[in-house]
Protein backbone atom coordinates (compact mmCIF):
# COMPACT_ATOMS: atom_id res chain seq x y z
CA MET A 1 0.30 -0.06 -0.21
CA VAL A 2 1.27 2.99 -1.06
CA CYS A 3 0.53 6.59 1.10
CA VAL A 4 0.63 9.65 -0.81
CA THR A 5 0.69 12.63 0.94
CA THR A 6 1.84 16.32 0.58
CA LYS A 7 3.64 17.93 3.24
CA GLY A 8 1.18 20.28 4.45
CA ALA A 9 -0.77 17.33 5.41
CA GLN A 10 1.68 15.44 7.16
CA TYR A 11 1.80 18.73 9.12
CA ALA A 12 -1.85 18.98 9.66
CA ALA A 13 -1.37 15.20 11.25
CA PHE A 14 1.47 16.46 13.40
CA GLY A 15 -1.00 19.49 14.34
CA LYS A 16 -3.97 17.04 15.29
CA ILE A 17 -1.70 15.21 17.50
CA PHE A 18 -0.12 17.89 19.27
CA GLY A 19 -3.62 19.37 19.75
CA SER A 20 -5.19 15.98 21.12
CA LEU A 21 -5.42 15.92 24.65
CA ALA A 22 -4.77 11.98 25.51
CA TYR A 23 -1.44 12.79 23.60
CA TRP A 24 -0.70 15.35 26.44
CA ARG A 25 -2.27 13.49 29.40
CA LEU A 26 0.24 10.80 28.12
CA THR A 27 3.41 12.39 27.20
CA PRO A 28 4.57 13.32 31.18
CA ALA A 29 4.37 9.37 32.21
CA SER A 30 5.92 7.89 28.74
CA PHE A 31 8.87 10.61 29.01
CA PHE A 32 9.38 9.29 33.37
CA VAL A 33 8.91 5.78 32.43
CA HIS A 34 11.63 5.74 28.71
CA GLY A 35 13.68 8.20 30.54
CA GLY A 36 13.82 5.89 34.12
CA PHE A 37 14.49 2.92 31.63
CA MET A 38 17.29 4.71 29.41
CA ALA A 39 18.93 5.94 32.83
CA LEU A 40 18.72 2.20 34.82
CA GLN A 41 20.76 0.81 31.31
CA GLY A 42 23.01 3.58 30.52
CA LEU A 43 23.85 4.29 34.57
CA TRP A 44 23.44 1.77 36.59
CA ILE A 45 22.79 -2.08 35.69
CA ALA A 46 26.10 -2.63 33.79
CA LEU A 47 27.52 -0.39 37.49
CA TRP A 48 25.51 -3.18 39.16
CA TRP A 49 26.92 -6.43 37.04
CA VAL A 50 30.15 -5.33 37.81
CA ASN A 51 30.02 -4.50 41.51
CA VAL A 52 27.67 -6.71 42.76
CA ASN A 53 27.10 -9.67 40.46
CA GLY A 54 31.61 -9.94 39.81
CA LEU A 55 31.29 -9.70 36.21
CA SER A 56 34.13 -8.25 34.43
CA ARG A 57 33.73 -4.69 32.40
CA THR A 58 33.50 -6.71 29.19
CA GLU A 59 31.58 -9.17 30.31
CA ALA A 60 28.92 -6.36 31.31
CA ALA A 61 29.22 -4.53 28.10
CA HIS A 62 28.13 -7.86 25.89
CA TRP A 63 25.27 -8.27 28.52
CA LEU A 64 24.63 -5.02 28.22
CA PHE A 65 24.52 -4.93 24.37
CA ALA A 66 22.80 -8.18 24.80
CA LEU A 67 19.52 -6.42 26.68
CA ASN A 68 19.38 -3.71 24.08
CA GLY A 69 19.20 -6.27 21.44
CA VAL A 70 16.49 -7.83 22.85
CA VAL A 71 14.65 -4.69 24.09
CA LEU A 72 15.35 -3.34 20.03
CA VAL A 73 13.29 -6.91 18.42
CA ALA A 74 10.74 -6.57 21.48
CA PHE A 75 9.92 -2.88 20.16
CA PHE A 76 9.71 -3.74 16.32
CA LEU A 77 8.07 -6.66 17.26
CA LEU A 78 5.17 -4.41 18.70
CA GLY A 79 5.43 -1.85 16.10
CA VAL A 80 4.28 -5.42 13.65
CA TYR A 81 1.94 -6.73 16.08
CA VAL A 82 0.15 -3.83 17.88
CA GLY A 83 -2.99 -3.75 15.42
CA ALA A 84 -3.54 -7.41 15.98
CA ILE A 85 -2.78 -7.34 19.62
CA GLU A 86 -5.36 -4.51 20.42
CA ARG A 87 -7.95 -6.08 18.29
CA ALA A 88 -7.52 -9.58 20.70
CA GLY A 89 -8.35 -7.03 23.51
CA VAL A 90 -5.37 -6.39 24.79
CA LEU A 91 -5.22 -2.50 25.79
CA PRO A 92 -1.80 -0.76 25.26
CA ALA A 93 -1.41 0.15 29.29
CA ARG A 94 -2.92 -3.67 30.61
CA PRO A 95 -0.89 -3.88 33.83
CA ALA A 96 -0.45 -7.25 32.92
CA VAL A 97 1.45 -6.52 29.77
CA LEU A 98 3.47 -4.74 32.27
CA SER A 99 4.20 -7.36 34.83
CA GLY A 100 5.46 -9.82 32.07
CA THR A 101 7.78 -6.98 31.24
CA ALA A 102 9.55 -6.45 34.54
CA ALA A 103 9.00 -10.39 35.34
CA ALA A 104 10.96 -10.96 32.02
CA MET A 105 14.26 -8.79 33.86
CA PRO A 106 15.98 -11.05 35.24
CA LEU A 107 16.39 -13.57 32.47
CA PHE A 108 18.95 -10.80 31.60
CA SER A 109 21.12 -11.98 34.35
CA PRO A 110 23.73 -14.16 34.32
CA PRO A 111 22.34 -17.50 35.13
CA ASP A 112 25.40 -18.38 37.92
CA ARG A 113 24.95 -14.94 39.35
CA ILE A 114 21.46 -15.26 40.54
CA PRO A 115 21.35 -17.35 43.81
CA TRP A 116 17.56 -18.01 43.35
CA ARG A 117 17.73 -19.10 39.50
CA PHE A 118 17.17 -22.44 38.89
CA GLY A 119 17.95 -24.20 36.13
């Protein structure tokens, strides 16, 4: 499908988005959630792996790279399948989706560094 629009129509679409009350209600929460996630990755998680879990800097960098690769793939797949997910009745901010994401976080730590992880 090819969508042909003018620049004026594209700017008008941005005007509708930025003029939407729903957009401005979600913007502060999105800003802090995404900013917190980026801060966690960029400032703290590698130091945690080095100082608390005993990884070398190289190992921590490899795990951080793997974590970001998984996040990149997840964002891409979410963008591809968001329409089907919505049609299935899953709302975008459903707590179960967020809980599933949080529950998957320990999967990104090395198995021998988590004493309560079996396997």
